[in-house]
Structures are given as structure tokens and as C-alpha cells.
Amino acid sequence: MSYEVMLFYKFTPIEDPDELARSQRAMCEELGLLGRILVADEGLNGTLSGEASACQAYRDRMRQDPRFADMVFKVDPAEGHVFPRLSVKRKLEIVHFGAEGAPKPWEKTGRRLSPREWYEMLGRDDVVVIDGRNDYEYEIGHFEGAVRPDVSTFREFPAWVERHKDEWRGKKVLTYCTGGIRCEKLSGYLMEQGIDEVYQLDGGIITYGKDPEVRGRKFLGKCYVFDDRVAVRINQTEEDTVIAHCSICGAPCDRYINCGYLDCHRRFLCCEACEREMHGFCSRSCEAEAVKRDRVDARVKPLLATAFGGAG
């Protein structure tokens, strides 16, 4: 039995978001799909996993809806479900930007570049490349020369842009993100702030890595994804490398885990050896507090048991 994971979105006016959310949940439950779907009056944003036949059925049904007939699906094979449950939510935005008066992507957005066009633009001296993701996503992988955003959430971008926009005037500004959705908003917002030439990588990093011509060149490290895979390879050439480091020992590492203390649960880079050594915790103090308060994540209990001779 083969499985797939799908990433998709579409900015389009939705008259009744609540009804769309209800119908999406019903369809996903019928097909046995798991993952996350966000619905708002500006469109739909989702990532789902399931049996390949069920994923194909979902795509076929969505293309029968005129609002989503041209929606692009980014599909990867999977060994099984990459999500533990199904979540369908009605939101104010399908990706939370939070900038008052920001243009809708169907009103204003940056010029789209194909993977080949993007690759060629990266070699120019008059461009600024802005990573439209969060700092921890940048940490494990990014394009050569890209500006690292000092943000931990997408909604922090407007303030960050305000602090730096004067540095980019008169230059060609290139934006990219995982699948393209964040740059649809970010590029339009940059244009609204007076940046004349703004571009976006069409389809995002995921599409770039699948292009048979560029094969992910000039992307360093791995691409962070919001499912059980955590990170995926983009550069399909001999240039592929690990650029991040374990926060415990400093060895090359692109594995993120969450601290096993439920009241911390901090996301941190950790190699497999240090995960075993630290029993899945980010510090000894977190381990001690988790045990004392009985707040140990079930995921790390087998690792913790080794500290007590296999008991537990």
C-alpha cells in the first residue's frame, strides 16, 4: 500500500468559509486523510497525507470545484501517514500575516520566477534574497546568500520589513518560502512598502528541489517541513550538505526534536547520539524537573528508562 503527502493552497475569495470547512472535514474523514487545513475568506491552505488512491480522489474532487480547479498540489511519496490526526479550522487568514491593509495576493503580489529564472537571478550582484520563513527554518537550510529573518513567526515580518526596507530600495528583491504561500503575501507587502522590483520563487523551495534542470542547486542544507518528516532534501546534486549543528555537541546535524519536558518542549537541533545521551531533553535541569513533576513526554520515556537500567 503506497502513501502520499500533499501540500496545497489557493488564494481566492470564499463567500462561506464555515461551509467550506465543514465540507473539507467531511471529505477528508470519508477518504481517511490526516493533516491540517485552514479556511478563511481569502482561500484555503492545506497539507494532508493518506493512501495514494485517497489523495488522488481528493485532488480529483477539488478540481471539480471552479474555485480550486487550477490549484497546484505538491505531492511526495510517504511510507505512511505523516500526521497524527486531522485538523480543519476556520481562520481569519490562511497564513497569518496580520498586517493591517496588506493587499490580497490576487490584488498585488511579486512577479513569479520559475526555478531556472530563480537560479539565474541568484547569480546577480544587484539582488537581495529574503528568506520568507522563520529563523529556525533558515537554520537547517536556505539559499546561498539569503538574508536571515529575525523572526520566529510569519506575523513578525511586517515589523521586520519596516526596520530594513530602506536597505533594499533600488535593488531587485527575491523572496522564497517552503511552498510559495507566505511569499504571495510577503512580496505584495514589500511592493506596498515602496520596493519597486519584487520577485517570488514560484512553488517555493519544494518545487525548486523537484525541477529536473536546476536540481536544487544553490540551496544549502535541508528544507524544514511541518510534519513528521521534519526536514527534506532539496539539493539533488553533489553540492548537498548539512549546514546546521547539534546544539549539544556541535556536530553537523539537521535534526530538530522537542525537549522531553512537557513544560519546556523547546525545539532544538540534536544529533541521535546526544538525544540518547540527554534522554531526549534539552538540558539536565529539564530532565530533573520533568521527572520530579511527572511531566515527561511519552516519546522520550524509553530513552529515560535506559538511565534506570531499563526500568520504567
C-alpha atoms as a PDB file:
ATOM      1  CA  MET A   1       0.000   0.000   0.000  1.00  0.00           C
ATOM      2  CA  SER A   2       1.503   3.340  -1.056  1.00  0.00           C
ATOM      3  CA  TYR A   3       1.015   6.669   0.716  1.00  0.00           C
ATOM      4  CA  GLU A   4       1.438  10.301  -0.283  1.00  0.00           C
ATOM      5  CA  VAL A   5       1.758  13.672   1.409  1.00  0.00           C
ATOM      6  CA  MET A   6       0.263  16.717  -0.345  1.00  0.00           C
ATOM      7  CA  LEU A   7       0.915  20.430   0.099  1.00  0.00           C
ATOM      8  CA  PHE A   8      -1.524  22.892  -1.489  1.00  0.00           C
ATOM      9  CA  TYR A   9      -3.144  26.305  -1.196  1.00  0.00           C
ATOM     10  CA  LYS A  10      -5.227  28.751  -3.188  1.00  0.00           C
ATOM     11  CA  PHE A  11      -5.917  32.421  -2.564  1.00  0.00           C
ATOM     12  CA  THR A  12      -9.439  33.081  -3.821  1.00  0.00           C
ATOM     13  CA  PRO A  13     -12.487  34.832  -2.307  1.00  0.00           C
ATOM     14  CA  ILE A  14     -14.647  32.413  -0.273  1.00  0.00           C
ATOM     15  CA  GLU A  15     -18.209  33.536   0.426  1.00  0.00           C
ATOM     16  CA  ASP A  16     -18.941  30.939   3.135  1.00  0.00           C
ATOM     17  CA  PRO A  17     -15.723  29.771   4.833  1.00  0.00           C
ATOM     18  CA  ASP A  18     -17.621  27.863   7.533  1.00  0.00           C
ATOM     19  CA  GLU A  19     -19.396  25.722   4.961  1.00  0.00           C
ATOM     20  CA  LEU A  20     -16.137  25.078   3.116  1.00  0.00           C
ATOM     21  CA  ALA A  21     -14.521  23.970   6.394  1.00  0.00           C
ATOM     22  CA  ARG A  22     -17.405  21.577   7.098  1.00  0.00           C
ATOM     23  CA  SER A  23     -17.262  20.058   3.624  1.00  0.00           C
ATOM     24  CA  GLN A  24     -13.473  19.712   3.789  1.00  0.00           C
ATOM     25  CA  ARG A  25     -13.664  17.844   7.086  1.00  0.00           C
ATOM     26  CA  ALA A  26     -16.375  15.515   5.788  1.00  0.00           C
ATOM     27  CA  MET A  27     -14.402  14.730   2.618  1.00  0.00           C
ATOM     28  CA  CYS A  28     -11.148  14.097   4.471  1.00  0.00           C
ATOM     29  CA  GLU A  29     -12.846  11.838   7.016  1.00  0.00           C
ATOM     30  CA  GLU A  30     -14.519   9.881   4.218  1.00  0.00           C
ATOM     31  CA  LEU A  31     -11.178   9.404   2.412  1.00  0.00           C
ATOM     32  CA  GLY A  32      -9.178   8.671   5.554  1.00  0.00           C
ATOM     33  CA  LEU A  33      -6.864  11.656   5.143  1.00  0.00           C
ATOM     34  CA  LEU A  34      -4.948  13.206   8.042  1.00  0.00           C
ATOM     35  CA  GLY A  35      -3.274  16.602   8.302  1.00  0.00           C
ATOM     36  CA  ARG A  36      -4.157  20.281   8.595  1.00  0.00           C
ATOM     37  CA  ILE A  37      -6.485  22.506   6.574  1.00  0.00           C
ATOM     38  CA  LEU A  38      -7.057  26.214   7.187  1.00  0.00           C
ATOM     39  CA  VAL A  39     -10.015  28.008   5.625  1.00  0.00           C
ATOM     40  CA  ALA A  40     -10.662  31.761   5.513  1.00  0.00           C
ATOM     41  CA  ASP A  41     -12.496  34.251   3.345  1.00  0.00           C
ATOM     42  CA  GLU A  42      -9.215  34.635   1.405  1.00  0.00           C
ATOM     43  CA  GLY A  43      -8.903  30.961   0.441  1.00  0.00           C
ATOM     44  CA  LEU A  44      -7.710  27.529   1.544  1.00  0.00           C
ATOM     45  CA  ASN A  45      -4.363  26.177   2.775  1.00  0.00           C
ATOM     46  CA  GLY A  46      -3.678  22.532   3.494  1.00  0.00           C
ATOM     47  CA  THR A  47      -1.256  19.663   3.882  1.00  0.00           C
ATOM     48  CA  LEU A  48      -2.599  16.113   4.044  1.00  0.00           C
ATOM     49  CA  SER A  49      -1.344  12.548   3.999  1.00  0.00           C
ATOM     50  CA  GLY A  50      -3.079   9.310   3.148  1.00  0.00           C
ATOM     51  CA  GLU A  51      -3.205   6.357   0.821  1.00  0.00           C
ATOM     52  CA  ALA A  52      -2.205   7.349  -2.696  1.00  0.00           C
ATOM     53  CA  SER A  53      -5.633   6.488  -4.101  1.00  0.00           C
ATOM     54  CA  ALA A  54      -7.356   8.615  -1.446  1.00  0.00           C
ATOM     55  CA  CYS A  55      -5.032  11.552  -2.127  1.00  0.00           C
ATOM     56  CA  GLN A  56      -5.773  11.266  -5.840  1.00  0.00           C
ATOM     57  CA  ALA A  57      -9.513  11.188  -5.110  1.00  0.00           C
ATOM     58  CA  TYR A  58      -9.159  14.373  -3.039  1.00  0.00           C
ATOM     59  CA  ARG A  59      -7.322  16.124  -5.886  1.00  0.00           C
ATOM     60  CA  ASP A  60      -9.921  14.995  -8.416  1.00  0.00           C
ATOM     61  CA  ARG A  61     -12.807  16.287  -6.309  1.00  0.00           C
ATOM     62  CA  MET A  62     -11.125  19.626  -5.626  1.00  0.00           C
ATOM     63  CA  ARG A  63     -10.546  20.185  -9.339  1.00  0.00           C
ATOM     64  CA  GLN A  64     -14.283  19.828  -9.910  1.00  0.00           C
ATOM     65  CA  ASP A  65     -14.791  22.969  -7.813  1.00  0.00           C
ATOM     66  CA  PRO A  66     -14.324  26.040 -10.072  1.00  0.00           C
ATOM     67  CA  ARG A  67     -12.677  27.929  -7.198  1.00  0.00           C
ATOM     68  CA  PHE A  68      -9.892  25.337  -6.964  1.00  0.00           C
ATOM     69  CA  ALA A  69      -9.776  23.898 -10.484  1.00  0.00           C
ATOM     70  CA  ASP A  70      -6.262  25.242 -11.065  1.00  0.00           C
ATOM     71  CA  MET A  71      -4.924  24.689  -7.546  1.00  0.00           C
ATOM     72  CA  VAL A  72      -1.391  23.271  -7.607  1.00  0.00           C
ATOM     73  CA  PHE A  73      -0.630  20.202  -5.495  1.00  0.00           C
ATOM     74  CA  LYS A  74       2.915  19.402  -4.420  1.00  0.00           C
ATOM     75  CA  VAL A  75       2.961  15.642  -3.901  1.00  0.00           C
ATOM     76  CA  ASP A  76       5.625  13.414  -2.352  1.00  0.00           C
ATOM     77  CA  PRO A  77       5.640   9.672  -1.647  1.00  0.00           C
ATOM     78  CA  ALA A  78       5.462   8.680   2.012  1.00  0.00           C
ATOM     79  CA  GLU A  79       5.911   5.483   3.993  1.00  0.00           C
ATOM     80  CA  GLY A  80       2.664   6.108   5.856  1.00  0.00           C
ATOM     81  CA  HIS A  81       0.725   8.937   7.438  1.00  0.00           C
ATOM     82  CA  VAL A  82       2.962  11.869   8.416  1.00  0.00           C
ATOM     83  CA  PHE A  83       0.297  13.466  10.632  1.00  0.00           C
ATOM     84  CA  PRO A  84      -1.251  12.010  13.800  1.00  0.00           C
ATOM     85  CA  ARG A  85      -4.731  13.473  13.282  1.00  0.00           C
ATOM     86  CA  LEU A  86      -6.995  15.639  11.111  1.00  0.00           C
ATOM     87  CA  SER A  87      -7.475  19.329  11.902  1.00  0.00           C
ATOM     88  CA  VAL A  88      -9.750  21.601   9.857  1.00  0.00           C
ATOM     89  CA  LYS A  89     -10.081  25.157  11.153  1.00  0.00           C
ATOM     90  CA  ARG A  90     -11.793  28.383  10.159  1.00  0.00           C
ATOM     91  CA  LYS A  91      -9.316  31.283  10.448  1.00  0.00           C
ATOM     92  CA  LEU A  92      -9.095  34.989   9.657  1.00  0.00           C
ATOM     93  CA  GLU A  93      -6.179  34.259   7.297  1.00  0.00           C
ATOM     94  CA  ILE A  94      -4.939  31.024   5.691  1.00  0.00           C
ATOM     95  CA  VAL A  95      -1.424  32.133   6.595  1.00  0.00           C
ATOM     96  CA  HIS A  96      -1.256  34.593   9.481  1.00  0.00           C
ATOM     97  CA  PHE A  97       0.490  37.801   8.411  1.00  0.00           C
ATOM     98  CA  GLY A  98      -1.508  40.266  10.449  1.00  0.00           C
ATOM     99  CA  ALA A  99      -0.551  43.450   8.580  1.00  0.00           C
ATOM    100  CA  GLU A 100      -3.483  45.866   8.511  1.00  0.00           C
ATOM    101  CA  GLY A 101      -4.287  46.953   4.966  1.00  0.00           C
ATOM    102  CA  ALA A 102      -1.942  44.432   3.332  1.00  0.00           C
ATOM    103  CA  PRO A 103      -3.020  43.686  -0.255  1.00  0.00           C
ATOM    104  CA  LYS A 104      -4.620  40.362  -1.081  1.00  0.00           C
ATOM    105  CA  PRO A 105      -2.441  38.212  -3.354  1.00  0.00           C
ATOM    106  CA  TRP A 106      -4.983  38.438  -6.167  1.00  0.00           C
ATOM    107  CA  GLU A 107      -4.653  42.240  -5.943  1.00  0.00           C
ATOM    108  CA  LYS A 108      -0.865  42.571  -5.720  1.00  0.00           C
ATOM    109  CA  THR A 109       1.982  40.088  -5.495  1.00  0.00           C
ATOM    110  CA  GLY A 110       5.568  39.792  -6.708  1.00  0.00           C
ATOM    111  CA  ARG A 111       6.490  38.523 -10.149  1.00  0.00           C
ATOM    112  CA  ARG A 112       6.800  34.740 -10.192  1.00  0.00           C
ATOM    113  CA  LEU A 113      10.104  33.176 -11.209  1.00  0.00           C
ATOM    114  CA  SER A 114      10.494  29.625 -12.474  1.00  0.00           C
ATOM    115  CA  PRO A 115      13.250  27.519 -10.861  1.00  0.00           C
ATOM    116  CA  ARG A 116      15.537  28.260 -13.817  1.00  0.00           C
ATOM    117  CA  GLU A 117      14.856  32.007 -13.690  1.00  0.00           C
ATOM    118  CA  TRP A 118      15.411  31.979  -9.924  1.00  0.00           C
ATOM    119  CA  TYR A 119      18.729  30.146 -10.291  1.00  0.00           C
ATOM    120  CA  GLU A 120      19.926  32.695 -12.835  1.00  0.00           C
ATOM    121  CA  MET A 121      18.827  35.655 -10.687  1.00  0.00           C
ATOM    122  CA  LEU A 122      20.747  34.298  -7.689  1.00  0.00           C
ATOM    123  CA  GLY A 123      23.994  34.970  -9.507  1.00  0.00           C
ATOM    124  CA  ARG A 124      23.391  38.708  -9.939  1.00  0.00           C
ATOM    125  CA  ASP A 125      25.062  41.440  -7.897  1.00  0.00           C
ATOM    126  CA  ASP A 126      22.007  43.707  -7.720  1.00  0.00           C
ATOM    127  CA  VAL A 127      19.661  41.335  -5.870  1.00  0.00           C
ATOM    128  CA  VAL A 128      18.673  40.840  -2.237  1.00  0.00           C
ATOM    129  CA  VAL A 129      17.367  37.376  -1.373  1.00  0.00           C
ATOM    130  CA  ILE A 130      14.927  37.313   1.544  1.00  0.00           C
ATOM    131  CA  ASP A 131      14.006  34.075   3.256  1.00  0.00           C
ATOM    132  CA  GLY A 132      10.269  34.368   3.906  1.00  0.00           C
ATOM    133  CA  ARG A 133      10.283  31.738   6.650  1.00  0.00           C
ATOM    134  CA  ASN A 134      11.110  31.671  10.356  1.00  0.00           C
ATOM    135  CA  ASP A 135      14.593  31.728  11.856  1.00  0.00           C
ATOM    136  CA  TYR A 136      14.572  28.050  12.874  1.00  0.00           C
ATOM    137  CA  GLU A 137      13.627  27.040   9.330  1.00  0.00           C
ATOM    138  CA  TYR A 138      16.525  29.084   7.970  1.00  0.00           C
ATOM    139  CA  GLU A 139      18.863  27.429  10.465  1.00  0.00           C
ATOM    140  CA  ILE A 140      18.808  24.000   8.800  1.00  0.00           C
ATOM    141  CA  GLY A 141      18.577  25.153   5.178  1.00  0.00           C
ATOM    142  CA  HIS A 142      18.478  28.231   2.939  1.00  0.00           C
ATOM    143  CA  PHE A 143      19.629  29.626  -0.394  1.00  0.00           C
ATOM    144  CA  GLU A 144      23.183  30.865  -0.750  1.00  0.00           C
ATOM    145  CA  GLY A 145      23.452  34.495   0.364  1.00  0.00           C
ATOM    146  CA  ALA A 146      19.882  34.727   1.661  1.00  0.00           C
ATOM    147  CA  VAL A 147      19.061  37.236   4.395  1.00  0.00           C
ATOM    148  CA  ARG A 148      18.121  35.500   7.632  1.00  0.00           C
ATOM    149  CA  PRO A 149      14.893  36.966   9.050  1.00  0.00           C
ATOM    150  CA  ASP A 150      14.999  37.849  12.723  1.00  0.00           C
ATOM    151  CA  VAL A 151      11.518  36.412  13.282  1.00  0.00           C
ATOM    152  CA  SER A 152      10.087  33.302  14.918  1.00  0.00           C
ATOM    153  CA  THR A 153       6.619  33.624  13.333  1.00  0.00           C
ATOM    154  CA  PHE A 154       5.342  34.942   9.998  1.00  0.00           C
ATOM    155  CA  ARG A 155       3.271  37.639  11.711  1.00  0.00           C
ATOM    156  CA  GLU A 156       6.524  39.295  12.871  1.00  0.00           C
ATOM    157  CA  PHE A 157       7.530  40.050   9.274  1.00  0.00           C
ATOM    158  CA  PRO A 158       5.744  43.435   8.894  1.00  0.00           C
ATOM    159  CA  ALA A 159       7.740  44.935  11.772  1.00  0.00           C
ATOM    160  CA  TRP A 160      10.958  43.335  10.472  1.00  0.00           C
ATOM    161  CA  VAL A 161      10.321  44.743   6.982  1.00  0.00           C
ATOM    162  CA  GLU A 162       9.726  48.190   8.470  1.00  0.00           C
ATOM    163  CA  ARG A 163      13.161  48.079  10.105  1.00  0.00           C
ATOM    164  CA  HIS A 164      15.027  47.016   6.952  1.00  0.00           C
ATOM    165  CA  LYS A 165      13.104  48.168   3.872  1.00  0.00           C
ATOM    166  CA  ASP A 166      15.291  51.237   3.251  1.00  0.00           C
ATOM    167  CA  GLU A 167      18.283  48.898   2.800  1.00  0.00           C
ATOM    168  CA  TRP A 168      16.594  47.251  -0.167  1.00  0.00           C
ATOM    169  CA  ARG A 169      15.431  50.248  -2.174  1.00  0.00           C
ATOM    170  CA  GLY A 170      16.805  50.337  -5.705  1.00  0.00           C
ATOM    171  CA  LYS A 171      17.545  46.616  -5.686  1.00  0.00           C
ATOM    172  CA  LYS A 172      15.792  43.551  -7.020  1.00  0.00           C
ATOM    173  CA  VAL A 173      14.260  41.754  -4.029  1.00  0.00           C
ATOM    174  CA  LEU A 174      13.778  37.993  -4.309  1.00  0.00           C
ATOM    175  CA  THR A 175      11.546  36.192  -1.800  1.00  0.00           C
ATOM    176  CA  TYR A 176      11.108  32.478  -1.173  1.00  0.00           C
ATOM    177  CA  CYS A 177       9.441  30.120   1.301  1.00  0.00           C
ATOM    178  CA  THR A 178       8.591  26.426   1.602  1.00  0.00           C
ATOM    179  CA  GLY A 179       5.699  26.076  -0.834  1.00  0.00           C
ATOM    180  CA  GLY A 180       5.034  29.632  -2.012  1.00  0.00           C
ATOM    181  CA  ILE A 181       2.111  30.702   0.159  1.00  0.00           C
ATOM    182  CA  ARG A 182       3.976  33.061   2.503  1.00  0.00           C
ATOM    183  CA  CYS A 183       5.724  34.840  -0.377  1.00  0.00           C
ATOM    184  CA  GLU A 184       2.400  35.545  -2.058  1.00  0.00           C
ATOM    185  CA  LYS A 185       1.674  37.857   0.876  1.00  0.00           C
ATOM    186  CA  LEU A 186       5.201  38.984   1.709  1.00  0.00           C
ATOM    187  CA  SER A 187       6.082  40.040  -1.842  1.00  0.00           C
ATOM    188  CA  GLY A 188       2.884  42.059  -2.223  1.00  0.00           C
ATOM    189  CA  TYR A 189       3.509  43.726   1.125  1.00  0.00           C
ATOM    190  CA  LEU A 190       7.046  44.682   0.071  1.00  0.00           C
ATOM    191  CA  MET A 191       5.645  46.271  -3.079  1.00  0.00           C
ATOM    192  CA  GLU A 192       3.124  48.156  -0.952  1.00  0.00           C
ATOM    193  CA  GLN A 193       6.043  49.463   1.130  1.00  0.00           C
ATOM    194  CA  GLY A 194       7.676  51.052  -1.910  1.00  0.00           C
ATOM    195  CA  ILE A 195      10.028  48.317  -3.135  1.00  0.00           C
ATOM    196  CA  ASP A 196       9.710  48.519  -6.924  1.00  0.00           C
ATOM    197  CA  GLU A 197      11.112  45.191  -8.138  1.00  0.00           C
ATOM    198  CA  VAL A 198       9.925  42.237  -6.077  1.00  0.00           C
ATOM    199  CA  TYR A 199      10.021  38.610  -7.181  1.00  0.00           C
ATOM    200  CA  GLN A 200       8.951  35.293  -5.677  1.00  0.00           C
ATOM    201  CA  LEU A 201      10.043  31.709  -6.290  1.00  0.00           C
ATOM    202  CA  ASP A 202       7.001  30.120  -7.900  1.00  0.00           C
ATOM    203  CA  GLY A 203       6.041  26.981  -5.978  1.00  0.00           C
ATOM    204  CA  GLY A 204       8.635  27.629  -3.296  1.00  0.00           C
ATOM    205  CA  ILE A 205      11.601  25.538  -2.213  1.00  0.00           C
ATOM    206  CA  ILE A 206       9.726  22.254  -2.663  1.00  0.00           C
ATOM    207  CA  THR A 207       9.096  22.893  -6.371  1.00  0.00           C
ATOM    208  CA  TYR A 208      12.659  24.144  -6.835  1.00  0.00           C
ATOM    209  CA  GLY A 209      14.036  20.859  -5.498  1.00  0.00           C
ATOM    210  CA  LYS A 210      11.944  18.827  -7.926  1.00  0.00           C
ATOM    211  CA  ASP A 211      12.981  20.765 -11.051  1.00  0.00           C
ATOM    212  CA  PRO A 212      14.952  18.367 -13.314  1.00  0.00           C
ATOM    213  CA  GLU A 213      17.147  21.140 -14.695  1.00  0.00           C
ATOM    214  CA  VAL A 214      18.356  23.053 -11.628  1.00  0.00           C
ATOM    215  CA  ARG A 215      18.024  20.048  -9.250  1.00  0.00           C
ATOM    216  CA  GLY A 216      18.026  22.253  -6.167  1.00  0.00           C
ATOM    217  CA  ARG A 217      21.414  23.861  -6.827  1.00  0.00           C
ATOM    218  CA  LYS A 218      22.447  26.749  -4.561  1.00  0.00           C
ATOM    219  CA  PHE A 219      20.181  25.543  -1.770  1.00  0.00           C
ATOM    220  CA  LEU A 220      22.248  24.711   1.296  1.00  0.00           C
ATOM    221  CA  GLY A 221      21.079  22.157   3.859  1.00  0.00           C
ATOM    222  CA  LYS A 222      17.578  20.736   4.215  1.00  0.00           C
ATOM    223  CA  CYS A 223      14.088  22.251   4.000  1.00  0.00           C
ATOM    224  CA  TYR A 224      12.080  22.269   7.219  1.00  0.00           C
ATOM    225  CA  VAL A 225       8.551  20.866   6.822  1.00  0.00           C
ATOM    226  CA  PHE A 226       5.697  20.922   9.323  1.00  0.00           C
ATOM    227  CA  ASP A 227       5.030  17.204   9.590  1.00  0.00           C
ATOM    228  CA  ASP A 228       6.681  14.075  10.967  1.00  0.00           C
ATOM    229  CA  ARG A 229       9.420  14.190   8.299  1.00  0.00           C
ATOM    230  CA  VAL A 230      10.721  17.468   9.840  1.00  0.00           C
ATOM    231  CA  ALA A 231      13.284  18.064   7.066  1.00  0.00           C
ATOM    232  CA  VAL A 232      13.562  17.041   3.403  1.00  0.00           C
ATOM    233  CA  ARG A 233      16.427  17.121   0.905  1.00  0.00           C
ATOM    234  CA  ILE A 234      16.267  19.833  -1.774  1.00  0.00           C
ATOM    235  CA  ASN A 235      19.704  19.915  -3.430  1.00  0.00           C
ATOM    236  CA  GLN A 236      19.818  16.768  -5.545  1.00  0.00           C
ATOM    237  CA  THR A 237      23.466  17.242  -6.593  1.00  0.00           C
ATOM    238  CA  GLU A 238      26.862  16.539  -5.078  1.00  0.00           C
ATOM    239  CA  GLU A 239      26.612  20.022  -3.502  1.00  0.00           C
ATOM    240  CA  ASP A 240      24.136  18.728  -0.899  1.00  0.00           C
ATOM    241  CA  THR A 241      25.479  19.304   2.604  1.00  0.00           C
ATOM    242  CA  VAL A 242      24.493  19.655   6.260  1.00  0.00           C
ATOM    243  CA  ILE A 243      24.913  23.265   7.425  1.00  0.00           C
ATOM    244  CA  ALA A 244      23.386  23.190  10.916  1.00  0.00           C
ATOM    245  CA  HIS A 245      24.939  21.830  14.106  1.00  0.00           C
ATOM    246  CA  CYS A 246      23.809  19.895  17.144  1.00  0.00           C
ATOM    247  CA  SER A 247      23.135  22.344  19.984  1.00  0.00           C
ATOM    248  CA  ILE A 248      24.609  19.870  22.489  1.00  0.00           C
ATOM    249  CA  CYS A 249      27.894  18.687  20.943  1.00  0.00           C
ATOM    250  CA  GLY A 250      28.296  20.913  17.870  1.00  0.00           C
ATOM    251  CA  ALA A 251      28.462  18.074  15.333  1.00  0.00           C
ATOM    252  CA  PRO A 252      26.887  18.602  11.880  1.00  0.00           C
ATOM    253  CA  CYS A 253      23.172  17.933  12.335  1.00  0.00           C
ATOM    254  CA  ASP A 254      19.849  18.837  10.726  1.00  0.00           C
ATOM    255  CA  ARG A 255      17.550  17.007  13.187  1.00  0.00           C
ATOM    256  CA  TYR A 256      15.087  19.041  15.206  1.00  0.00           C
ATOM    257  CA  ILE A 257      13.484  17.424  18.252  1.00  0.00           C
ATOM    258  CA  ASN A 258      11.358  18.817  21.067  1.00  0.00           C
ATOM    259  CA  CYS A 259      12.526  18.749  24.660  1.00  0.00           C
ATOM    260  CA  GLY A 260      11.009  15.842  26.554  1.00  0.00           C
ATOM    261  CA  TYR A 261       9.909  18.121  29.418  1.00  0.00           C
ATOM    262  CA  LEU A 262       6.310  18.955  28.517  1.00  0.00           C
ATOM    263  CA  ASP A 263       6.508  22.372  30.180  1.00  0.00           C
ATOM    264  CA  CYS A 264       9.542  23.263  28.055  1.00  0.00           C
ATOM    265  CA  HIS A 265       9.051  21.356  24.768  1.00  0.00           C
ATOM    266  CA  ARG A 266      11.639  23.662  23.168  1.00  0.00           C
ATOM    267  CA  ARG A 267      12.546  22.834  19.587  1.00  0.00           C
ATOM    268  CA  PHE A 268      16.302  22.296  19.296  1.00  0.00           C
ATOM    269  CA  LEU A 269      18.869  20.741  16.975  1.00  0.00           C
ATOM    270  CA  CYS A 270      20.098  17.426  18.351  1.00  0.00           C
ATOM    271  CA  CYS A 271      22.056  14.534  16.840  1.00  0.00           C
ATOM    272  CA  GLU A 272      20.971  10.954  17.548  1.00  0.00           C
ATOM    273  CA  ALA A 273      23.911  10.331  19.876  1.00  0.00           C
ATOM    274  CA  CYS A 274      23.098  13.353  22.030  1.00  0.00           C
ATOM    275  CA  GLU A 275      19.406  12.516  22.034  1.00  0.00           C
ATOM    276  CA  ARG A 276      20.313   9.184  23.614  1.00  0.00           C
ATOM    277  CA  GLU A 277      22.855  10.767  25.969  1.00  0.00           C
ATOM    278  CA  MET A 278      20.418  13.504  27.087  1.00  0.00           C
ATOM    279  CA  HIS A 279      17.432  11.105  27.146  1.00  0.00           C
ATOM    280  CA  GLY A 280      15.550  13.445  24.793  1.00  0.00           C
ATOM    281  CA  PHE A 281      15.827  16.564  26.978  1.00  0.00           C
ATOM    282  CA  CYS A 282      17.459  19.873  26.053  1.00  0.00           C
ATOM    283  CA  SER A 283      19.222  20.085  29.450  1.00  0.00           C
ATOM    284  CA  ARG A 284      19.794  18.096  32.625  1.00  0.00           C
ATOM    285  CA  SER A 285      17.671  20.585  34.546  1.00  0.00           C
ATOM    286  CA  CYS A 286      14.731  19.934  32.222  1.00  0.00           C
ATOM    287  CA  GLU A 287      15.168  16.208  32.734  1.00  0.00           C
ATOM    288  CA  ALA A 288      15.188  16.612  36.524  1.00  0.00           C
ATOM    289  CA  GLU A 289      12.102  18.858  36.531  1.00  0.00           C
ATOM    290  CA  ALA A 290      10.211  16.575  34.148  1.00  0.00           C
ATOM    291  CA  VAL A 291      10.814  13.557  36.362  1.00  0.00           C
ATOM    292  CA  LYS A 292      10.058  15.493  39.563  1.00  0.00           C
ATOM    293  CA  ARG A 293       6.780  16.894  38.224  1.00  0.00           C
ATOM    294  CA  ASP A 294       5.805  13.786  36.239  1.00  0.00           C
ATOM    295  CA  ARG A 295       5.779  15.869  33.058  1.00  0.00           C
ATOM    296  CA  VAL A 296       7.746  13.536  30.775  1.00  0.00           C
ATOM    297  CA  ASP A 297       6.777  13.341  27.091  1.00  0.00           C
ATOM    298  CA  ALA A 298       5.796   9.768  26.216  1.00  0.00           C
ATOM    299  CA  ARG A 299       8.189   9.952  23.269  1.00  0.00           C
ATOM    300  CA  VAL A 300      11.270  10.078  25.495  1.00  0.00           C
ATOM    301  CA  LYS A 301      10.205   7.619  28.198  1.00  0.00           C
ATOM    302  CA  PRO A 302      12.055   4.706  26.523  1.00  0.00           C
ATOM    303  CA  LEU A 303      15.222   6.854  26.442  1.00  0.00           C
ATOM    304  CA  LEU A 304      14.747   7.893  30.047  1.00  0.00           C
ATOM    305  CA  ALA A 305      14.258   4.272  31.087  1.00  0.00           C
ATOM    306  CA  THR A 306      17.825   3.479  29.987  1.00  0.00           C
ATOM    307  CA  ALA A 307      19.077   5.780  32.752  1.00  0.00           C
ATOM    308  CA  PHE A 308      17.474   3.469  35.284  1.00  0.00           C
ATOM    309  CA  GLY A 309      18.718   0.200  33.897  1.00  0.00           C
ATOM    310  CA  GLY A 310      15.712  -0.398  31.644  1.00  0.00           C
ATOM    311  CA  ALA A 311      13.093   0.041  34.347  1.00  0.00           C
ATOM    312  CA  GLY A 312      10.045   2.203  33.942  1.00  0.00           C
END
